[in-house]
Amino acid sequence: MADSVYKVIELIGTSSESWEKAAAGAVSRAGETLRDLRVAEVVQLDLQLDAQGKVEAYRAKLKVSFKFEGS
């Protein structure tokens, strides 16, 4: 049996409601085009603010791994 290789990419998800929805949205969208997603690690959380300092969006930066199938 051959050893597996995984590729890691970085994603940023956004949501007007929460960091959890921002992260889940990024993983969900990635899952539409990538197969065998394995692990998603939240590496940074931040906020996008408007000119008055009010929260416009929650942003979650993730590292996501998936099984590499290239030859």
PDB file of N, CA and C in Angstrom:
ATOM      1  N   MET A   1       0.837  -1.181   0.000  1.00  0.00           N
ATOM      2  CA  MET A   1       0.000   0.000   0.000  1.00  0.00           C
ATOM      3  C   MET A   1       0.887   1.251   0.000  1.00  0.00           C
ATOM      4  N   ALA A   2       0.618   2.167  -0.907  1.00  0.00           N
ATOM      5  CA  ALA A   2       1.416   3.385  -1.029  1.00  0.00           C
ATOM      6  C   ALA A   2       1.048   4.383   0.058  1.00  0.00           C
ATOM      7  N   ASP A   3       2.028   5.158   0.480  1.00  0.00           N
ATOM      8  CA  ASP A   3       1.767   6.228   1.436  1.00  0.00           C
ATOM      9  C   ASP A   3       0.954   7.320   0.759  1.00  0.00           C
ATOM     10  N   SER A   4       0.196   8.066   1.544  1.00  0.00           N
ATOM     11  CA  SER A   4      -0.626   9.147   1.003  1.00  0.00           C
ATOM     12  C   SER A   4       0.108  10.474   1.100  1.00  0.00           C
ATOM     13  N   VAL A   5      -0.244  11.371   0.211  1.00  0.00           N
ATOM     14  CA  VAL A   5       0.295  12.728   0.210  1.00  0.00           C
ATOM     15  C   VAL A   5      -0.890  13.684   0.251  1.00  0.00           C
ATOM     16  N   TYR A   6      -0.767  14.729   1.053  1.00  0.00           N
ATOM     17  CA  TYR A   6      -1.838  15.702   1.191  1.00  0.00           C
ATOM     18  C   TYR A   6      -1.330  17.080   0.832  1.00  0.00           C
ATOM     19  N   LYS A   7      -2.174  17.841   0.175  1.00  0.00           N
ATOM     20  CA  LYS A   7      -1.861  19.224  -0.176  1.00  0.00           C
ATOM     21  C   LYS A   7      -2.594  20.125   0.814  1.00  0.00           C
ATOM     22  N   VAL A   8      -1.965  21.235   1.196  1.00  0.00           N
ATOM     23  CA  VAL A   8      -2.565  22.199   2.111  1.00  0.00           C
ATOM     24  C   VAL A   8      -2.722  23.521   1.371  1.00  0.00           C
ATOM     25  N   ILE A   9      -3.934  24.071   1.437  1.00  0.00           N
ATOM     26  CA  ILE A   9      -4.201  25.375   0.834  1.00  0.00           C
ATOM     27  C   ILE A   9      -4.737  26.311   1.909  1.00  0.00           C
ATOM     28  N   GLU A  10      -4.706  27.597   1.618  1.00  0.00           N
ATOM     29  CA  GLU A  10      -5.218  28.583   2.554  1.00  0.00           C
ATOM     30  C   GLU A  10      -6.481  29.200   1.971  1.00  0.00           C
ATOM     31  N   LEU A  11      -7.518  29.308   2.785  1.00  0.00           N
ATOM     32  CA  LEU A  11      -8.793  29.888   2.377  1.00  0.00           C
ATOM     33  C   LEU A  11      -9.177  30.986   3.352  1.00  0.00           C
ATOM     34  N   ILE A  12      -9.940  31.960   2.873  1.00  0.00           N
ATOM     35  CA  ILE A  12     -10.515  32.973   3.749  1.00  0.00           C
ATOM     36  C   ILE A  12     -12.012  32.994   3.475  1.00  0.00           C
ATOM     37  N   GLY A  13     -12.790  32.716   4.511  1.00  0.00           N
ATOM     38  CA  GLY A  13     -14.244  32.771   4.412  1.00  0.00           C
ATOM     39  C   GLY A  13     -14.758  34.020   5.094  1.00  0.00           C
ATOM     40  N   THR A  14     -15.866  34.559   4.594  1.00  0.00           N
ATOM     41  CA  THR A  14     -16.465  35.742   5.200  1.00  0.00           C
ATOM     42  C   THR A  14     -17.947  35.492   5.479  1.00  0.00           C
ATOM     43  N   SER A  15     -18.450  36.175   6.485  1.00  0.00           N
ATOM     44  CA  SER A  15     -19.859  36.093   6.842  1.00  0.00           C
ATOM     45  C   SER A  15     -20.264  37.391   7.524  1.00  0.00           C
ATOM     46  N   SER A  16     -21.481  37.802   7.302  1.00  0.00           N
ATOM     47  CA  SER A  16     -21.986  38.986   8.004  1.00  0.00           C
ATOM     48  C   SER A  16     -22.517  38.610   9.382  1.00  0.00           C
ATOM     49  N   GLU A  17     -22.539  37.289   9.709  1.00  0.00           N
ATOM     50  CA  GLU A  17     -23.137  36.831  10.963  1.00  0.00           C
ATOM     51  C   GLU A  17     -22.151  36.356  12.026  1.00  0.00           C
ATOM     52  N   SER A  18     -21.141  35.534  11.637  1.00  0.00           N
ATOM     53  CA  SER A  18     -20.254  34.969  12.656  1.00  0.00           C
ATOM     54  C   SER A  18     -18.990  34.381  12.029  1.00  0.00           C
ATOM     55  N   TRP A  19     -17.974  34.177  12.897  1.00  0.00           N
ATOM     56  CA  TRP A  19     -16.754  33.514  12.443  1.00  0.00           C
ATOM     57  C   TRP A  19     -17.048  32.059  12.087  1.00  0.00           C
ATOM     58  N   GLU A  20     -17.925  31.423  12.855  1.00  0.00           N
ATOM     59  CA  GLU A  20     -18.269  30.024  12.589  1.00  0.00           C
ATOM     60  C   GLU A  20     -18.861  29.870  11.184  1.00  0.00           C
ATOM     61  N   LYS A  21     -19.763  30.763  10.819  1.00  0.00           N
ATOM     62  CA  LYS A  21     -20.360  30.696   9.480  1.00  0.00           C
ATOM     63  C   LYS A  21     -19.346  31.044   8.401  1.00  0.00           C
ATOM     64  N   ALA A  22     -18.414  31.929   8.700  1.00  0.00           N
ATOM     65  CA  ALA A  22     -17.362  32.260   7.742  1.00  0.00           C
ATOM     66  C   ALA A  22     -16.497  31.034   7.461  1.00  0.00           C
ATOM     67  N   ALA A  23     -16.095  30.322   8.510  1.00  0.00           N
ATOM     68  CA  ALA A  23     -15.268  29.129   8.352  1.00  0.00           C
ATOM     69  C   ALA A  23     -16.041  28.019   7.646  1.00  0.00           C
ATOM     70  N   ALA A  24     -17.269  27.788   8.073  1.00  0.00           N
ATOM     71  CA  ALA A  24     -18.079  26.729   7.464  1.00  0.00           C
ATOM     72  C   ALA A  24     -18.355  27.013   5.993  1.00  0.00           C
ATOM     73  N   GLY A  25     -18.570  28.263   5.659  1.00  0.00           N
ATOM     74  CA  GLY A  25     -18.806  28.638   4.265  1.00  0.00           C
ATOM     75  C   GLY A  25     -17.590  28.386   3.391  1.00  0.00           C
ATOM     76  N   ALA A  26     -16.408  28.685   3.908  1.00  0.00           N
ATOM     77  CA  ALA A  26     -15.181  28.450   3.145  1.00  0.00           C
ATOM     78  C   ALA A  26     -14.979  26.962   2.884  1.00  0.00           C
ATOM     79  N   VAL A  27     -15.192  26.135   3.909  1.00  0.00           N
ATOM     80  CA  VAL A  27     -15.026  24.683   3.756  1.00  0.00           C
ATOM     81  C   VAL A  27     -16.087  24.122   2.809  1.00  0.00           C
ATOM     82  N   SER A  28     -17.303  24.586   2.939  1.00  0.00           N
ATOM     83  CA  SER A  28     -18.385  24.125   2.069  1.00  0.00           C
ATOM     84  C   SER A  28     -18.094  24.452   0.601  1.00  0.00           C
ATOM     85  N   ARG A  29     -17.650  25.670   0.365  1.00  0.00           N
ATOM     86  CA  ARG A  29     -17.340  26.084  -1.019  1.00  0.00           C
ATOM     87  C   ARG A  29     -16.175  25.278  -1.575  1.00  0.00           C
ATOM     88  N   ALA A  30     -15.135  25.070  -0.780  1.00  0.00           N
ATOM     89  CA  ALA A  30     -13.986  24.279  -1.234  1.00  0.00           C
ATOM     90  C   ALA A  30     -14.413  22.854  -1.558  1.00  0.00           C
ATOM     91  N   GLY A  31     -15.343  22.318  -0.782  1.00  0.00           N
ATOM     92  CA  GLY A  31     -15.823  20.959  -1.002  1.00  0.00           C
ATOM     93  C   GLY A  31     -16.580  20.774  -2.305  1.00  0.00           C
ATOM     94  N   GLU A  32     -16.993  21.867  -2.931  1.00  0.00           N
ATOM     95  CA  GLU A  32     -17.680  21.780  -4.223  1.00  0.00           C
ATOM     96  C   GLU A  32     -16.725  21.427  -5.351  1.00  0.00           C
ATOM     97  N   THR A  33     -15.442  21.740  -5.189  1.00  0.00           N
ATOM     98  CA  THR A  33     -14.491  21.497  -6.278  1.00  0.00           C
ATOM     99  C   THR A  33     -13.309  20.621  -5.888  1.00  0.00           C
ATOM    100  N   LEU A  34     -13.113  20.374  -4.599  1.00  0.00           N
ATOM    101  CA  LEU A  34     -12.004  19.542  -4.141  1.00  0.00           C
ATOM    102  C   LEU A  34     -12.547  18.256  -3.524  1.00  0.00           C
ATOM    103  N   ARG A  35     -11.853  17.149  -3.778  1.00  0.00           N
ATOM    104  CA  ARG A  35     -12.263  15.867  -3.191  1.00  0.00           C
ATOM    105  C   ARG A  35     -11.377  15.534  -2.005  1.00  0.00           C
ATOM    106  N   ASP A  36     -11.886  14.694  -1.150  1.00  0.00           N
ATOM    107  CA  ASP A  36     -11.134  14.156  -0.014  1.00  0.00           C
ATOM    108  C   ASP A  36     -10.575  15.225   0.916  1.00  0.00           C
ATOM    109  N   LEU A  37     -11.417  16.227   1.240  1.00  0.00           N
ATOM    110  CA  LEU A  37     -10.992  17.194   2.253  1.00  0.00           C
ATOM    111  C   LEU A  37     -10.772  16.445   3.555  1.00  0.00           C
ATOM    112  N   ARG A  38      -9.684  16.757   4.260  1.00  0.00           N
ATOM    113  CA  ARG A  38      -9.333  15.997   5.461  1.00  0.00           C
ATOM    114  C   ARG A  38      -9.404  16.826   6.735  1.00  0.00           C
ATOM    115  N   VAL A  39      -8.700  17.940   6.768  1.00  0.00           N
ATOM    116  CA  VAL A  39      -8.607  18.744   7.987  1.00  0.00           C
ATOM    117  C   VAL A  39      -8.712  20.218   7.613  1.00  0.00           C
ATOM    118  N   ALA A  40      -9.439  20.972   8.441  1.00  0.00           N
ATOM    119  CA  ALA A  40      -9.487  22.427   8.298  1.00  0.00           C
ATOM    120  C   ALA A  40      -9.062  23.025   9.636  1.00  0.00           C
ATOM    121  N   GLU A  41      -8.034  23.842   9.597  1.00  0.00           N
ATOM    122  CA  GLU A  41      -7.500  24.469  10.806  1.00  0.00           C
ATOM    123  C   GLU A  41      -7.715  25.978  10.714  1.00  0.00           C
ATOM    124  N   VAL A  42      -8.416  26.540  11.675  1.00  0.00           N
ATOM    125  CA  VAL A  42      -8.591  27.989  11.720  1.00  0.00           C
ATOM    126  C   VAL A  42      -7.285  28.590  12.237  1.00  0.00           C
ATOM    127  N   VAL A  43      -6.669  29.461  11.436  1.00  0.00           N
ATOM    128  CA  VAL A  43      -5.385  30.036  11.821  1.00  0.00           C
ATOM    129  C   VAL A  43      -5.482  31.509  12.205  1.00  0.00           C
ATOM    130  N   GLN A  44      -6.579  32.168  11.792  1.00  0.00           N
ATOM    131  CA  GLN A  44      -6.718  33.585  12.140  1.00  0.00           C
ATOM    132  C   GLN A  44      -8.183  33.989  12.024  1.00  0.00           C
ATOM    133  N   LEU A  45      -8.627  34.819  12.943  1.00  0.00           N
ATOM    134  CA  LEU A  45      -9.959  35.411  12.895  1.00  0.00           C
ATOM    135  C   LEU A  45      -9.789  36.919  12.913  1.00  0.00           C
ATOM    136  N   ASP A  46     -10.544  37.618  12.054  1.00  0.00           N
ATOM    137  CA  ASP A  46     -10.521  39.071  12.102  1.00  0.00           C
ATOM    138  C   ASP A  46     -11.865  39.622  11.664  1.00  0.00           C
ATOM    139  N   LEU A  47     -11.990  40.928  11.740  1.00  0.00           N
ATOM    140  CA  LEU A  47     -13.231  41.614  11.414  1.00  0.00           C
ATOM    141  C   LEU A  47     -12.987  42.656  10.341  1.00  0.00           C
ATOM    142  N   GLN A  48     -13.960  42.821   9.456  1.00  0.00           N
ATOM    143  CA  GLN A  48     -13.939  43.919   8.507  1.00  0.00           C
ATOM    144  C   GLN A  48     -14.873  44.980   9.063  1.00  0.00           C
ATOM    145  N   LEU A  49     -14.381  46.217   9.180  1.00  0.00           N
ATOM    146  CA  LEU A  49     -15.149  47.301   9.794  1.00  0.00           C
ATOM    147  C   LEU A  49     -15.542  48.351   8.772  1.00  0.00           C
ATOM    148  N   ASP A  50     -16.666  49.035   9.030  1.00  0.00           N
ATOM    149  CA  ASP A  50     -17.065  50.143   8.161  1.00  0.00           C
ATOM    150  C   ASP A  50     -16.406  51.433   8.664  1.00  0.00           C
ATOM    151  N   ALA A  51     -16.718  52.533   8.051  1.00  0.00           N
ATOM    152  CA  ALA A  51     -16.086  53.821   8.391  1.00  0.00           C
ATOM    153  C   ALA A  51     -16.398  54.271   9.817  1.00  0.00           C
ATOM    154  N   GLN A  52     -17.489  53.794  10.392  1.00  0.00           N
ATOM    155  CA  GLN A  52     -17.858  54.160  11.756  1.00  0.00           C
ATOM    156  C   GLN A  52     -17.353  53.145  12.782  1.00  0.00           C
ATOM    157  N   GLY A  53     -16.619  52.144  12.336  1.00  0.00           N
ATOM    158  CA  GLY A  53     -16.076  51.147  13.250  1.00  0.00           C
ATOM    159  C   GLY A  53     -17.024  50.009  13.582  1.00  0.00           C
ATOM    160  N   LYS A  54     -18.129  49.905  12.859  1.00  0.00           N
ATOM    161  CA  LYS A  54     -19.076  48.817  13.083  1.00  0.00           C
ATOM    162  C   LYS A  54     -18.669  47.606  12.243  1.00  0.00           C
ATOM    163  N   VAL A  55     -18.973  46.429  12.762  1.00  0.00           N
ATOM    164  CA  VAL A  55     -18.607  45.187  12.077  1.00  0.00           C
ATOM    165  C   VAL A  55     -19.422  45.031  10.801  1.00  0.00           C
ATOM    166  N   GLU A  56     -18.707  44.892   9.680  1.00  0.00           N
ATOM    167  CA  GLU A  56     -19.355  44.595   8.402  1.00  0.00           C
ATOM    168  C   GLU A  56     -19.299  43.102   8.105  1.00  0.00           C
ATOM    169  N   ALA A  57     -18.186  42.461   8.470  1.00  0.00           N
ATOM    170  CA  ALA A  57     -18.029  41.037   8.158  1.00  0.00           C
ATOM    171  C   ALA A  57     -17.050  40.387   9.118  1.00  0.00           C
ATOM    172  N   TYR A  58     -17.315  39.124   9.395  1.00  0.00           N
ATOM    173  CA  TYR A  58     -16.411  38.262  10.153  1.00  0.00           C
ATOM    174  C   TYR A  58     -15.595  37.490   9.134  1.00  0.00           C
ATOM    175  N   ARG A  59     -14.290  37.398   9.352  1.00  0.00           N
ATOM    176  CA  ARG A  59     -13.424  36.676   8.420  1.00  0.00           C
ATOM    177  C   ARG A  59     -12.641  35.599   9.160  1.00  0.00           C
ATOM    178  N   ALA A  60     -12.602  34.422   8.555  1.00  0.00           N
ATOM    179  CA  ALA A  60     -11.858  33.303   9.124  1.00  0.00           C
ATOM    180  C   ALA A  60     -10.864  32.806   8.081  1.00  0.00           C
ATOM    181  N   LYS A  61      -9.583  32.788   8.459  1.00  0.00           N
ATOM    182  CA  LYS A  61      -8.544  32.255   7.583  1.00  0.00           C
ATOM    183  C   LYS A  61      -8.294  30.814   8.008  1.00  0.00           C
ATOM    184  N   LEU A  62      -8.312  29.895   7.037  1.00  0.00           N
ATOM    185  CA  LEU A  62      -8.165  28.467   7.321  1.00  0.00           C
ATOM    186  C   LEU A  62      -7.067  27.848   6.476  1.00  0.00           C
ATOM    187  N   LYS A  63      -6.448  26.824   7.028  1.00  0.00           N
ATOM    188  CA  LYS A  63      -5.585  25.937   6.253  1.00  0.00           C
ATOM    189  C   LYS A  63      -6.376  24.648   6.093  1.00  0.00           C
ATOM    190  N   VAL A  64      -6.563  24.225   4.859  1.00  0.00           N
ATOM    191  CA  VAL A  64      -7.378  23.050   4.554  1.00  0.00           C
ATOM    192  C   VAL A  64      -6.514  22.041   3.806  1.00  0.00           C
ATOM    193  N   SER A  65      -6.567  20.786   4.231  1.00  0.00           N
ATOM    194  CA  SER A  65      -5.801  19.759   3.538  1.00  0.00           C
ATOM    195  C   SER A  65      -6.744  18.796   2.820  1.00  0.00           C
ATOM    196  N   PHE A  66      -6.229  18.268   1.696  1.00  0.00           N
ATOM    197  CA  PHE A  66      -6.962  17.267   0.935  1.00  0.00           C
ATOM    198  C   PHE A  66      -5.961  16.309   0.307  1.00  0.00           C
ATOM    199  N   LYS A  67      -6.432  15.133  -0.007  1.00  0.00           N
ATOM    200  CA  LYS A  67      -5.552  14.091  -0.547  1.00  0.00           C
ATOM    201  C   LYS A  67      -5.101  14.500  -1.949  1.00  0.00           C
ATOM    202  N   PHE A  68      -3.804  14.455  -2.152  1.00  0.00           N
ATOM    203  CA  PHE A  68      -3.196  14.837  -3.426  1.00  0.00           C
ATOM    204  C   PHE A  68      -3.210  13.633  -4.357  1.00  0.00           C
ATOM    205  N   GLU A  69      -3.766  13.828  -5.564  1.00  0.00           N
ATOM    206  CA  GLU A  69      -3.899  12.714  -6.498  1.00  0.00           C
ATOM    207  C   GLU A  69      -2.996  12.846  -7.713  1.00  0.00           C
ATOM    208  N   GLY A  70      -2.166  13.896  -7.774  1.00  0.00           N
ATOM    209  CA  GLY A  70      -1.295  14.096  -8.920  1.00  0.00           C
ATOM    210  C   GLY A  70      -0.247  13.011  -9.033  1.00  0.00           C
ATOM    211  N   SER A  71       0.288  12.850 -10.226  1.00  0.00           N
ATOM    212  CA  SER A  71       1.329  11.818 -10.426  1.00  0.00           C
ATOM    213  C   SER A  71       2.720  12.381 -10.309  1.00  0.00           C
TER     214      SER A  71
END
